[in-house]
Amino acid sequence: MTAADNFFWTFEQAVSYYKFTLINYIGFHDKGMLLAGGCGDTNGKPQINKTEHLSAAYQFGEEIYKE
């Protein structure tokens, strides 16, 4: 999940919903999550290419789908 800002509370609601609903209630197997804050600026322009989030997401995907 991405977000423009990177405050400590940015992903709090989404993570809580993910853990309660998808993992605990529905029973999905948790493979982890990647929370990419700081991907925008106040003008709404993407800044993700200035972070390490894209390479981290690629590596995360490779780990999930290893044979």
PDB file of N, CA and C in Angstrom:
ATOM      1  N   MET A   1       0.851  -1.157   0.000  1.00  0.00           N
ATOM      2  CA  MET A   1       0.000   0.000   0.000  1.00  0.00           C
ATOM      3  C   MET A   1       0.901   1.225   0.000  1.00  0.00           C
ATOM      4  N   THR A   2       0.521   2.215  -0.763  1.00  0.00           N
ATOM      5  CA  THR A   2       1.282   3.462  -0.819  1.00  0.00           C
ATOM      6  C   THR A   2       0.492   4.595  -0.201  1.00  0.00           C
ATOM      7  N   ALA A   3       1.208   5.617   0.207  1.00  0.00           N
ATOM      8  CA  ALA A   3       0.595   6.832   0.728  1.00  0.00           C
ATOM      9  C   ALA A   3       1.536   7.996   0.458  1.00  0.00           C
ATOM     10  N   ALA A   4       0.973   9.168   0.290  1.00  0.00           N
ATOM     11  CA  ALA A   4       1.787  10.350   0.049  1.00  0.00           C
ATOM     12  C   ALA A   4       2.594  10.707   1.298  1.00  0.00           C
ATOM     13  N   ASP A   5       1.947  10.663   2.456  1.00  0.00           N
ATOM     14  CA  ASP A   5       2.658  11.031   3.684  1.00  0.00           C
ATOM     15  C   ASP A   5       3.290   9.816   4.347  1.00  0.00           C
ATOM     16  N   ASN A   6       4.017  10.077   5.392  1.00  0.00           N
ATOM     17  CA  ASN A   6       4.752   9.001   6.063  1.00  0.00           C
ATOM     18  C   ASN A   6       4.695   9.172   7.578  1.00  0.00           C
ATOM     19  N   PHE A   7       3.513   9.537   8.079  1.00  0.00           N
ATOM     20  CA  PHE A   7       3.347   9.685   9.517  1.00  0.00           C
ATOM     21  C   PHE A   7       3.226   8.311  10.176  1.00  0.00           C
ATOM     22  N   PHE A   8       3.457   8.222  11.470  1.00  0.00           N
ATOM     23  CA  PHE A   8       3.392   6.940  12.171  1.00  0.00           C
ATOM     24  C   PHE A   8       1.995   6.328  12.097  1.00  0.00           C
ATOM     25  N   TRP A   9       0.970   7.127  11.917  1.00  0.00           N
ATOM     26  CA  TRP A   9      -0.400   6.642  11.899  1.00  0.00           C
ATOM     27  C   TRP A   9      -0.971   6.461  10.491  1.00  0.00           C
ATOM     28  N   THR A  10      -0.194   6.719   9.486  1.00  0.00           N
ATOM     29  CA  THR A  10      -0.681   6.713   8.104  1.00  0.00           C
ATOM     30  C   THR A  10      -1.412   5.425   7.734  1.00  0.00           C
ATOM     31  N   PHE A  11      -0.863   4.293   8.093  1.00  0.00           N
ATOM     32  CA  PHE A  11      -1.435   3.007   7.675  1.00  0.00           C
ATOM     33  C   PHE A  11      -2.190   2.298   8.794  1.00  0.00           C
ATOM     34  N   GLU A  12      -2.379   2.945   9.917  1.00  0.00           N
ATOM     35  CA  GLU A  12      -2.961   2.302  11.095  1.00  0.00           C
ATOM     36  C   GLU A  12      -4.330   1.678  10.820  1.00  0.00           C
ATOM     37  N   GLN A  13      -5.240   2.405  10.216  1.00  0.00           N
ATOM     38  CA  GLN A  13      -6.583   1.886   9.948  1.00  0.00           C
ATOM     39  C   GLN A  13      -6.558   0.754   8.928  1.00  0.00           C
ATOM     40  N   ALA A  14      -5.777   0.910   7.870  1.00  0.00           N
ATOM     41  CA  ALA A  14      -5.720  -0.111   6.823  1.00  0.00           C
ATOM     42  C   ALA A  14      -5.122  -1.410   7.353  1.00  0.00           C
ATOM     43  N   VAL A  15      -4.069  -1.318   8.140  1.00  0.00           N
ATOM     44  CA  VAL A  15      -3.430  -2.506   8.703  1.00  0.00           C
ATOM     45  C   VAL A  15      -4.372  -3.195   9.672  1.00  0.00           C
ATOM     46  N   SER A  16      -5.063  -2.417  10.484  1.00  0.00           N
ATOM     47  CA  SER A  16      -6.022  -2.985  11.427  1.00  0.00           C
ATOM     48  C   SER A  16      -7.125  -3.738  10.690  1.00  0.00           C
ATOM     49  N   TYR A  17      -7.666  -3.151   9.644  1.00  0.00           N
ATOM     50  CA  TYR A  17      -8.716  -3.795   8.848  1.00  0.00           C
ATOM     51  C   TYR A  17      -8.183  -5.061   8.180  1.00  0.00           C
ATOM     52  N   TYR A  18      -6.994  -4.990   7.617  1.00  0.00           N
ATOM     53  CA  TYR A  18      -6.363  -6.141   6.970  1.00  0.00           C
ATOM     54  C   TYR A  18      -6.216  -7.304   7.950  1.00  0.00           C
ATOM     55  N   LYS A  19      -5.667  -7.012   9.124  1.00  0.00           N
ATOM     56  CA  LYS A  19      -5.434  -8.072  10.106  1.00  0.00           C
ATOM     57  C   LYS A  19      -6.736  -8.654  10.633  1.00  0.00           C
ATOM     58  N   PHE A  20      -7.703  -7.801  10.945  1.00  0.00           N
ATOM     59  CA  PHE A  20      -8.949  -8.300  11.509  1.00  0.00           C
ATOM     60  C   PHE A  20      -9.788  -9.026  10.473  1.00  0.00           C
ATOM     61  N   THR A  21     -10.035  -8.372   9.355  1.00  0.00           N
ATOM     62  CA  THR A  21     -10.974  -8.921   8.379  1.00  0.00           C
ATOM     63  C   THR A  21     -10.375 -10.034   7.534  1.00  0.00           C
ATOM     64  N   LEU A  22      -9.299  -9.761   6.868  1.00  0.00           N
ATOM     65  CA  LEU A  22      -8.759 -10.732   5.922  1.00  0.00           C
ATOM     66  C   LEU A  22      -8.058 -11.909   6.603  1.00  0.00           C
ATOM     67  N   ILE A  23      -7.352 -11.650   7.663  1.00  0.00           N
ATOM     68  CA  ILE A  23      -6.605 -12.733   8.321  1.00  0.00           C
ATOM     69  C   ILE A  23      -7.454 -13.440   9.377  1.00  0.00           C
ATOM     70  N   ASN A  24      -7.963 -12.697  10.333  1.00  0.00           N
ATOM     71  CA  ASN A  24      -8.691 -13.320  11.440  1.00  0.00           C
ATOM     72  C   ASN A  24     -10.087 -13.797  11.062  1.00  0.00           C
ATOM     73  N   TYR A  25     -10.848 -12.969  10.346  1.00  0.00           N
ATOM     74  CA  TYR A  25     -12.235 -13.318  10.050  1.00  0.00           C
ATOM     75  C   TYR A  25     -12.353 -14.255   8.849  1.00  0.00           C
ATOM     76  N   ILE A  26     -11.740 -13.896   7.727  1.00  0.00           N
ATOM     77  CA  ILE A  26     -11.846 -14.717   6.522  1.00  0.00           C
ATOM     78  C   ILE A  26     -10.873 -15.884   6.558  1.00  0.00           C
ATOM     79  N   GLY A  27      -9.735 -15.697   7.198  1.00  0.00           N
ATOM     80  CA  GLY A  27      -8.782 -16.783   7.345  1.00  0.00           C
ATOM     81  C   GLY A  27      -7.693 -16.846   6.291  1.00  0.00           C
ATOM     82  N   PHE A  28      -7.442 -15.736   5.596  1.00  0.00           N
ATOM     83  CA  PHE A  28      -6.348 -15.718   4.628  1.00  0.00           C
ATOM     84  C   PHE A  28      -5.018 -15.932   5.326  1.00  0.00           C
ATOM     85  N   HIS A  29      -4.082 -16.537   4.640  1.00  0.00           N
ATOM     86  CA  HIS A  29      -2.734 -16.731   5.169  1.00  0.00           C
ATOM     87  C   HIS A  29      -1.933 -15.453   4.936  1.00  0.00           C
ATOM     88  N   ASP A  30      -1.416 -14.896   5.999  1.00  0.00           N
ATOM     89  CA  ASP A  30      -0.663 -13.646   5.907  1.00  0.00           C
ATOM     90  C   ASP A  30       0.741 -13.904   5.373  1.00  0.00           C
ATOM     91  N   LYS A  31       1.058 -13.316   4.237  1.00  0.00           N
ATOM     92  CA  LYS A  31       2.395 -13.418   3.647  1.00  0.00           C
ATOM     93  C   LYS A  31       3.212 -12.169   3.926  1.00  0.00           C
ATOM     94  N   GLY A  32       2.639 -11.236   4.660  1.00  0.00           N
ATOM     95  CA  GLY A  32       3.325  -9.987   4.975  1.00  0.00           C
ATOM     96  C   GLY A  32       2.700  -8.817   4.249  1.00  0.00           C
ATOM     97  N   MET A  33       3.288  -7.670   4.463  1.00  0.00           N
ATOM     98  CA  MET A  33       2.784  -6.469   3.803  1.00  0.00           C
ATOM     99  C   MET A  33       3.927  -5.498   3.586  1.00  0.00           C
ATOM    100  N   LEU A  34       3.741  -4.649   2.619  1.00  0.00           N
ATOM    101  CA  LEU A  34       4.714  -3.600   2.335  1.00  0.00           C
ATOM    102  C   LEU A  34       3.979  -2.279   2.409  1.00  0.00           C
ATOM    103  N   LEU A  35       4.362  -1.454   3.339  1.00  0.00           N
ATOM    104  CA  LEU A  35       3.733  -0.156   3.531  1.00  0.00           C
ATOM    105  C   LEU A  35       4.709   0.915   3.066  1.00  0.00           C
ATOM    106  N   ALA A  36       4.349   1.594   2.002  1.00  0.00           N
ATOM    107  CA  ALA A  36       5.243   2.549   1.355  1.00  0.00           C
ATOM    108  C   ALA A  36       4.748   3.972   1.562  1.00  0.00           C
ATOM    109  N   GLY A  37       5.207   4.597   2.618  1.00  0.00           N
ATOM    110  CA  GLY A  37       4.846   5.982   2.891  1.00  0.00           C
ATOM    111  C   GLY A  37       5.850   6.933   2.253  1.00  0.00           C
ATOM    112  N   GLY A  38       5.450   8.177   2.124  1.00  0.00           N
ATOM    113  CA  GLY A  38       6.325   9.190   1.557  1.00  0.00           C
ATOM    114  C   GLY A  38       6.406   9.133   0.043  1.00  0.00           C
ATOM    115  N   CYS A  39       5.335   8.700  -0.597  1.00  0.00           N
ATOM    116  CA  CYS A  39       5.337   8.512  -2.058  1.00  0.00           C
ATOM    117  C   CYS A  39       4.720   9.676  -2.817  1.00  0.00           C
ATOM    118  N   GLY A  40       4.465  10.789  -2.159  1.00  0.00           N
ATOM    119  CA  GLY A  40       3.876  11.936  -2.838  1.00  0.00           C
ATOM    120  C   GLY A  40       4.318  13.225  -2.186  1.00  0.00           C
ATOM    121  N   ASP A  41       3.891  14.328  -2.768  1.00  0.00           N
ATOM    122  CA  ASP A  41       4.176  15.618  -2.157  1.00  0.00           C
ATOM    123  C   ASP A  41       2.876  16.393  -1.989  1.00  0.00           C
ATOM    124  N   THR A  42       2.959  17.591  -1.478  1.00  0.00           N
ATOM    125  CA  THR A  42       1.750  18.368  -1.195  1.00  0.00           C
ATOM    126  C   THR A  42       1.021  18.807  -2.455  1.00  0.00           C
ATOM    127  N   ASN A  43       1.669  18.728  -3.599  1.00  0.00           N
ATOM    128  CA  ASN A  43       1.023  19.093  -4.865  1.00  0.00           C
ATOM    129  C   ASN A  43       0.412  17.890  -5.564  1.00  0.00           C
ATOM    130  N   GLY A  44       0.457  16.727  -4.941  1.00  0.00           N
ATOM    131  CA  GLY A  44      -0.116  15.532  -5.512  1.00  0.00           C
ATOM    132  C   GLY A  44       0.750  14.869  -6.571  1.00  0.00           C
ATOM    133  N   LYS A  45       2.000  15.268  -6.650  1.00  0.00           N
ATOM    134  CA  LYS A  45       2.896  14.672  -7.638  1.00  0.00           C
ATOM    135  C   LYS A  45       3.549  13.423  -7.054  1.00  0.00           C
ATOM    136  N   PRO A  46       3.590  12.340  -7.810  1.00  0.00           N
ATOM    137  CA  PRO A  46       4.219  11.112  -7.326  1.00  0.00           C
ATOM    138  C   PRO A  46       5.705  11.332  -7.022  1.00  0.00           C
ATOM    139  N   GLN A  47       6.140  10.722  -5.930  1.00  0.00           N
ATOM    140  CA  GLN A  47       7.536  10.795  -5.526  1.00  0.00           C
ATOM    141  C   GLN A  47       8.115   9.413  -5.254  1.00  0.00           C
ATOM    142  N   ILE A  48       7.366   8.379  -5.609  1.00  0.00           N
ATOM    143  CA  ILE A  48       7.786   7.017  -5.266  1.00  0.00           C
ATOM    144  C   ILE A  48       9.119   6.648  -5.918  1.00  0.00           C
ATOM    145  N   ASN A  49       9.400   7.238  -7.071  1.00  0.00           N
ATOM    146  CA  ASN A  49      10.667   6.925  -7.744  1.00  0.00           C
ATOM    147  C   ASN A  49      11.873   7.485  -6.997  1.00  0.00           C
ATOM    148  N   LYS A  50      11.647   8.326  -6.001  1.00  0.00           N
ATOM    149  CA  LYS A  50      12.733   8.860  -5.186  1.00  0.00           C
ATOM    150  C   LYS A  50      12.941   8.046  -3.909  1.00  0.00           C
ATOM    151  N   THR A  51      12.194   6.947  -3.776  1.00  0.00           N
ATOM    152  CA  THR A  51      12.296   6.090  -2.595  1.00  0.00           C
ATOM    153  C   THR A  51      12.826   4.715  -3.008  1.00  0.00           C
ATOM    154  N   GLU A  52      13.004   3.863  -2.043  1.00  0.00           N
ATOM    155  CA  GLU A  52      13.413   2.479  -2.288  1.00  0.00           C
ATOM    156  C   GLU A  52      12.213   1.534  -2.339  1.00  0.00           C
ATOM    157  N   HIS A  53      11.008   2.083  -2.318  1.00  0.00           N
ATOM    158  CA  HIS A  53       9.799   1.261  -2.237  1.00  0.00           C
ATOM    159  C   HIS A  53       9.581   0.353  -3.448  1.00  0.00           C
ATOM    160  N   LEU A  54       9.904   0.826  -4.638  1.00  0.00           N
ATOM    161  CA  LEU A  54       9.672   0.008  -5.829  1.00  0.00           C
ATOM    162  C   LEU A  54      10.551  -1.236  -5.833  1.00  0.00           C
ATOM    163  N   SER A  55      11.811  -1.086  -5.488  1.00  0.00           N
ATOM    164  CA  SER A  55      12.685  -2.264  -5.439  1.00  0.00           C
ATOM    165  C   SER A  55      12.293  -3.181  -4.285  1.00  0.00           C
ATOM    166  N   ALA A  56      11.859  -2.598  -3.163  1.00  0.00           N
ATOM    167  CA  ALA A  56      11.399  -3.413  -2.036  1.00  0.00           C
ATOM    168  C   ALA A  56      10.153  -4.211  -2.416  1.00  0.00           C
ATOM    169  N   ALA A  57       9.252  -3.606  -3.174  1.00  0.00           N
ATOM    170  CA  ALA A  57       8.040  -4.304  -3.608  1.00  0.00           C
ATOM    171  C   ALA A  57       8.382  -5.437  -4.564  1.00  0.00           C
ATOM    172  N   TYR A  58       9.317  -5.208  -5.438  1.00  0.00           N
ATOM    173  CA  TYR A  58       9.740  -6.246  -6.373  1.00  0.00           C
ATOM    174  C   TYR A  58      10.341  -7.435  -5.620  1.00  0.00           C
ATOM    175  N   GLN A  59      11.214  -7.147  -4.669  1.00  0.00           N
ATOM    176  CA  GLN A  59      11.836  -8.209  -3.872  1.00  0.00           C
ATOM    177  C   GLN A  59      10.792  -8.942  -3.036  1.00  0.00           C
ATOM    178  N   PHE A  60       9.845  -8.215  -2.482  1.00  0.00           N
ATOM    179  CA  PHE A  60       8.768  -8.808  -1.696  1.00  0.00           C
ATOM    180  C   PHE A  60       7.962  -9.776  -2.556  1.00  0.00           C
ATOM    181  N   GLY A  61       7.625  -9.358  -3.774  1.00  0.00           N
ATOM    182  CA  GLY A  61       6.889 -10.215  -4.696  1.00  0.00           C
ATOM    183  C   GLY A  61       7.662 -11.467  -5.060  1.00  0.00           C
ATOM    184  N   GLU A  62       8.955 -11.318  -5.267  1.00  0.00           N
ATOM    185  CA  GLU A  62       9.783 -12.500  -5.570  1.00  0.00           C
ATOM    186  C   GLU A  62       9.778 -13.490  -4.411  1.00  0.00           C
ATOM    187  N   GLU A  63       9.839 -13.008  -3.188  1.00  0.00           N
ATOM    188  CA  GLU A  63       9.847 -13.871  -2.013  1.00  0.00           C
ATOM    189  C   GLU A  63       8.524 -14.602  -1.849  1.00  0.00           C
ATOM    190  N   ILE A  64       7.422 -13.929  -2.120  1.00  0.00           N
ATOM    191  CA  ILE A  64       6.101 -14.529  -1.959  1.00  0.00           C
ATOM    192  C   ILE A  64       5.910 -15.689  -2.944  1.00  0.00           C
ATOM    193  N   TYR A  65       6.393 -15.516  -4.156  1.00  0.00           N
ATOM    194  CA  TYR A  65       6.118 -16.494  -5.199  1.00  0.00           C
ATOM    195  C   TYR A  65       7.313 -17.390  -5.546  1.00  0.00           C
ATOM    196  N   LYS A  66       8.219 -17.557  -4.595  1.00  0.00           N
ATOM    197  CA  LYS A  66       9.313 -18.491  -4.820  1.00  0.00           C
ATOM    198  C   LYS A  66       8.766 -19.907  -4.924  1.00  0.00           C
ATOM    199  N   GLU A  67       9.375 -20.671  -5.793  1.00  0.00           N
ATOM    200  CA  GLU A  67       8.944 -22.065  -5.943  1.00  0.00           C
ATOM    201  C   GLU A  67       9.726 -22.957  -5.019  1.00  0.00           C
TER     202      GLU A  67
END
